[in-house]
N, C-alpha and C. Protein backbone atom coordinates (compact mmCIF):
# COMPACT_ATOMS: atom_id res chain seq x y z
N MET A 1 82.23 87.75 68.72
CA MET A 1 82.08 89.14 68.38
C MET A 1 80.99 89.80 69.22
N GLU A 2 80.06 88.99 69.67
CA GLU A 2 78.96 89.54 70.45
C GLU A 2 79.45 90.07 71.80
N ILE A 3 80.48 89.42 72.35
CA ILE A 3 80.99 89.84 73.65
C ILE A 3 81.68 91.19 73.56
N VAL A 4 82.29 91.50 72.43
CA VAL A 4 82.96 92.79 72.23
C VAL A 4 81.94 93.92 72.29
N GLU A 5 80.78 93.67 71.74
CA GLU A 5 79.71 94.68 71.77
C GLU A 5 79.27 94.97 73.20
N LEU A 6 79.49 94.03 74.09
CA LEU A 6 79.14 94.23 75.51
C LEU A 6 80.31 94.83 76.29
N LEU A 7 81.52 94.34 76.02
CA LEU A 7 82.68 94.77 76.81
C LEU A 7 83.14 96.20 76.49
N VAL A 8 83.06 96.63 75.27
CA VAL A 8 83.51 97.98 74.90
C VAL A 8 82.69 99.04 75.63
N PRO A 9 81.36 99.00 75.58
CA PRO A 9 80.61 100.01 76.33
C PRO A 9 80.84 99.93 77.85
N MET A 10 81.01 98.70 78.37
CA MET A 10 81.25 98.57 79.80
C MET A 10 82.60 99.16 80.18
N SER A 11 83.63 98.95 79.38
CA SER A 11 84.94 99.51 79.68
C SER A 11 84.94 101.03 79.55
N LEU A 12 84.22 101.55 78.57
CA LEU A 12 84.11 103.01 78.43
C LEU A 12 83.37 103.62 79.62
N ALA A 13 82.33 102.94 80.09
CA ALA A 13 81.59 103.43 81.25
C ALA A 13 82.45 103.38 82.51
N LEU A 14 83.24 102.31 82.65
CA LEU A 14 84.14 102.20 83.80
C LEU A 14 85.21 103.29 83.76
N GLY A 15 85.79 103.53 82.59
CA GLY A 15 86.79 104.58 82.44
C GLY A 15 86.21 105.95 82.74
N LEU A 16 84.99 106.20 82.26
CA LEU A 16 84.32 107.47 82.54
C LEU A 16 84.06 107.62 84.04
N GLY A 17 83.70 106.52 84.69
CA GLY A 17 83.49 106.56 86.14
C GLY A 17 84.76 106.92 86.90
N PHE A 18 85.90 106.37 86.48
CA PHE A 18 87.17 106.71 87.11
C PHE A 18 87.54 108.18 86.88
N VAL A 19 87.29 108.67 85.69
CA VAL A 19 87.58 110.08 85.38
C VAL A 19 86.71 110.98 86.25
N ILE A 20 85.45 110.65 86.41
CA ILE A 20 84.55 111.46 87.24
C ILE A 20 84.99 111.41 88.71
N ALA A 21 85.35 110.22 89.19
CA ALA A 21 85.81 110.10 90.58
C ALA A 21 87.10 110.88 90.81
N PHE A 22 88.03 110.82 89.87
CA PHE A 22 89.29 111.57 90.01
C PHE A 22 89.03 113.07 89.99
N THR A 23 88.17 113.53 89.10
CA THR A 23 87.85 114.96 89.03
C THR A 23 87.20 115.43 90.32
N ALA A 24 86.30 114.64 90.87
CA ALA A 24 85.66 115.00 92.13
C ALA A 24 86.69 115.05 93.26
N ALA A 25 87.64 114.12 93.30
CA ALA A 25 88.66 114.11 94.35
C ALA A 25 89.56 115.33 94.24
N VAL A 26 89.90 115.73 93.03
CA VAL A 26 90.74 116.92 92.85
C VAL A 26 89.98 118.16 93.30
N ARG A 27 88.71 118.26 92.96
CA ARG A 27 87.92 119.44 93.36
C ARG A 27 87.72 119.51 94.87
N LEU A 28 87.65 118.36 95.53
CA LEU A 28 87.45 118.35 96.98
C LEU A 28 88.75 118.54 97.75
N GLY A 29 89.88 118.61 97.05
CA GLY A 29 91.14 118.90 97.72
C GLY A 29 91.89 117.69 98.24
N GLN A 30 91.61 116.52 97.72
CA GLN A 30 92.29 115.33 98.19
C GLN A 30 93.78 115.33 97.85
N PHE A 31 94.16 116.04 96.83
CA PHE A 31 95.55 116.04 96.38
C PHE A 31 96.24 117.37 96.64
N ASP A 32 95.70 118.20 97.52
CA ASP A 32 96.30 119.51 97.79
C ASP A 32 97.65 119.39 98.49
N ASP A 33 97.74 118.55 99.51
CA ASP A 33 98.97 118.43 100.29
C ASP A 33 99.31 116.96 100.46
N CYS A 34 100.16 116.47 99.59
CA CYS A 34 100.52 115.05 99.64
C CYS A 34 101.78 114.79 100.46
N GLU A 35 102.54 115.84 100.81
CA GLU A 35 103.82 115.63 101.50
C GLU A 35 103.71 115.69 103.01
N THR A 36 102.82 116.48 103.56
CA THR A 36 102.75 116.65 105.01
C THR A 36 102.46 115.35 105.76
N PRO A 37 101.53 114.50 105.34
CA PRO A 37 101.32 113.26 106.08
C PRO A 37 102.56 112.38 106.13
N ALA A 38 103.35 112.37 105.07
CA ALA A 38 104.58 111.56 105.08
C ALA A 38 105.59 112.15 106.06
N HIS A 39 105.69 113.46 106.13
CA HIS A 39 106.62 114.09 107.07
C HIS A 39 106.12 113.99 108.50
N ARG A 40 104.81 114.02 108.68
CA ARG A 40 104.23 113.93 110.03
C ARG A 40 104.60 112.60 110.68
N MET A 41 104.67 111.55 109.88
CA MET A 41 105.04 110.24 110.40
C MET A 41 106.45 110.28 111.00
N LEU A 42 107.33 111.03 110.38
CA LEU A 42 108.71 111.11 110.87
C LEU A 42 108.84 112.04 112.06
N LEU A 43 108.02 113.06 112.15
CA LEU A 43 108.12 114.04 113.22
C LEU A 43 107.38 113.63 114.48
N ASP A 44 106.54 112.61 114.41
CA ASP A 44 105.71 112.21 115.55
C ASP A 44 106.39 111.17 116.41
N ALA A 45 107.69 111.13 116.44
CA ALA A 45 108.40 110.08 117.16
C ALA A 45 108.81 110.51 118.56
N ASP A 46 107.96 111.22 119.28
CA ASP A 46 108.27 111.64 120.63
C ASP A 46 107.99 110.49 121.59
N PRO A 47 109.02 109.87 122.16
CA PRO A 47 108.78 108.70 123.02
C PRO A 47 108.12 109.03 124.35
N SER A 48 108.10 110.32 124.74
CA SER A 48 107.49 110.65 126.02
C SER A 48 105.97 110.60 125.95
N LYS A 49 105.41 110.70 124.74
CA LYS A 49 103.96 110.62 124.59
C LYS A 49 103.55 109.16 124.66
N LYS A 50 102.55 108.89 125.47
CA LYS A 50 102.07 107.51 125.59
C LYS A 50 101.00 107.27 124.54
N ARG A 51 100.99 106.07 124.03
CA ARG A 51 99.98 105.69 123.05
C ARG A 51 98.72 105.28 123.79
N PRO A 52 97.59 105.35 123.12
CA PRO A 52 96.34 104.97 123.78
C PRO A 52 96.35 103.52 124.21
N SER A 53 95.70 103.25 125.34
CA SER A 53 95.66 101.88 125.83
C SER A 53 94.83 101.02 124.89
N GLY A 54 95.08 99.75 124.94
CA GLY A 54 94.37 98.83 124.06
C GLY A 54 95.11 98.61 122.76
N ASN A 55 96.18 99.34 122.56
CA ASN A 55 96.99 99.17 121.36
C ASN A 55 98.08 98.15 121.64
N ASP A 56 98.31 97.23 120.74
CA ASP A 56 99.33 96.21 120.95
C ASP A 56 100.71 96.83 121.07
N ASP A 57 100.93 97.96 120.39
CA ASP A 57 102.23 98.61 120.45
C ASP A 57 102.50 99.17 121.84
N SER A 58 101.46 99.57 122.58
CA SER A 58 101.68 100.13 123.90
C SER A 58 102.24 99.06 124.84
N ARG A 59 101.79 97.82 124.67
CA ARG A 59 102.34 96.74 125.49
C ARG A 59 103.80 96.51 125.14
N GLU A 60 104.12 96.63 123.86
CA GLU A 60 105.50 96.45 123.44
C GLU A 60 106.36 97.58 123.99
N LEU A 61 105.84 98.81 123.99
CA LEU A 61 106.60 99.94 124.55
C LEU A 61 106.80 99.76 126.04
N ASN A 62 105.77 99.29 126.76
CA ASN A 62 105.91 99.06 128.18
C ASN A 62 106.96 97.99 128.46
N PHE A 63 106.97 96.95 127.64
CA PHE A 63 107.96 95.90 127.80
C PHE A 63 109.36 96.45 127.58
N GLU A 64 109.52 97.27 126.54
CA GLU A 64 110.83 97.86 126.26
C GLU A 64 111.27 98.77 127.40
N SER A 65 110.36 99.57 127.94
CA SER A 65 110.76 100.47 129.02
C SER A 65 111.12 99.68 130.28
N GLU A 66 110.38 98.60 130.55
CA GLU A 66 110.72 97.75 131.70
C GLU A 66 112.08 97.09 131.50
N LYS A 67 112.36 96.66 130.27
CA LYS A 67 113.64 96.03 129.97
C LYS A 67 114.77 97.06 130.14
N ASN A 68 114.54 98.29 129.69
CA ASN A 68 115.56 99.34 129.84
C ASN A 68 115.80 99.66 131.31
N LYS A 69 114.73 99.70 132.11
CA LYS A 69 114.88 99.95 133.55
C LYS A 69 115.69 98.84 134.21
N ALA A 70 115.38 97.60 133.84
CA ALA A 70 116.10 96.47 134.42
C ALA A 70 117.58 96.51 134.04
N MET A 71 117.86 96.88 132.79
CA MET A 71 119.25 96.95 132.35
C MET A 71 120.00 98.07 133.08
N SER A 72 119.34 99.22 133.27
CA SER A 72 120.00 100.31 133.97
C SER A 72 120.20 99.98 135.44
N ASN A 73 119.23 99.27 136.04
CA ASN A 73 119.40 98.85 137.43
C ASN A 73 120.55 97.87 137.56
N ALA A 74 120.67 96.95 136.62
CA ALA A 74 121.77 95.98 136.65
C ALA A 74 123.10 96.68 136.44
N ALA A 75 123.14 97.67 135.57
CA ALA A 75 124.38 98.40 135.33
C ALA A 75 124.78 99.21 136.56
N SER A 76 123.82 99.82 137.23
CA SER A 76 124.15 100.60 138.43
C SER A 76 124.58 99.66 139.56
N ALA A 77 123.97 98.49 139.67
CA ALA A 77 124.37 97.53 140.68
C ALA A 77 125.79 97.03 140.41
N GLU A 78 126.10 96.81 139.14
CA GLU A 78 127.44 96.36 138.77
C GLU A 78 128.49 97.43 139.07
N SER A 79 128.15 98.68 138.78
CA SER A 79 129.11 99.75 139.08
C SER A 79 129.27 99.93 140.59
N ALA A 80 128.19 99.74 141.35
CA ALA A 80 128.29 99.83 142.81
C ALA A 80 129.16 98.71 143.35
N THR A 81 129.07 97.53 142.75
CA THR A 81 129.91 96.40 143.17
C THR A 81 131.38 96.71 142.88
N ARG A 82 131.65 97.32 141.76
CA ARG A 82 133.02 97.67 141.42
C ARG A 82 133.58 98.69 142.41
N VAL A 83 132.76 99.67 142.75
CA VAL A 83 133.20 100.68 143.72
C VAL A 83 133.48 100.04 145.05
N THR A 84 132.63 99.13 145.50
CA THR A 84 132.81 98.45 146.76
C THR A 84 134.09 97.60 146.74
N GLU A 85 134.37 96.93 145.63
CA GLU A 85 135.57 96.11 145.51
C GLU A 85 136.81 96.98 145.58
N ARG A 86 136.76 98.15 144.97
CA ARG A 86 137.91 99.05 144.97
C ARG A 86 138.20 99.59 146.38
N THR A 87 137.13 99.89 147.08
CA THR A 87 137.34 100.48 148.41
C THR A 87 137.78 99.44 149.43
N THR A 88 137.41 98.19 149.25
CA THR A 88 137.80 97.16 150.18
C THR A 88 139.22 96.64 149.93
N THR A 89 139.75 96.81 148.74
CA THR A 89 141.09 96.29 148.47
C THR A 89 142.14 97.32 148.75
C-alpha cells in the first residue's frame, strides 16, 4: 500500500506534465498545418534536382542514371545493327 502513495502522485504529475507540454505545443502552432508536410513529400519528386553530395541516396541515383545510360546505349547500338543488317541484305 505504501507504493500506491508514491505512484499516484507521480502519475498525476506525469499526466499534468503531458497536458502542459501539449498545451504549449498547440499555442506555439505545432499542429496548425499537419497536411502540407505529407503532401510535400509527394510533390518533391523532381528527378532533375540533384541531392546533396555525401548522401548515400545520391550514389544510388548516380548508379541508376549510369545504368539507364548504358541500357539506352545498348538499345541504340542494337537498333543500329538491325539497320545495318537490313541495308546489307
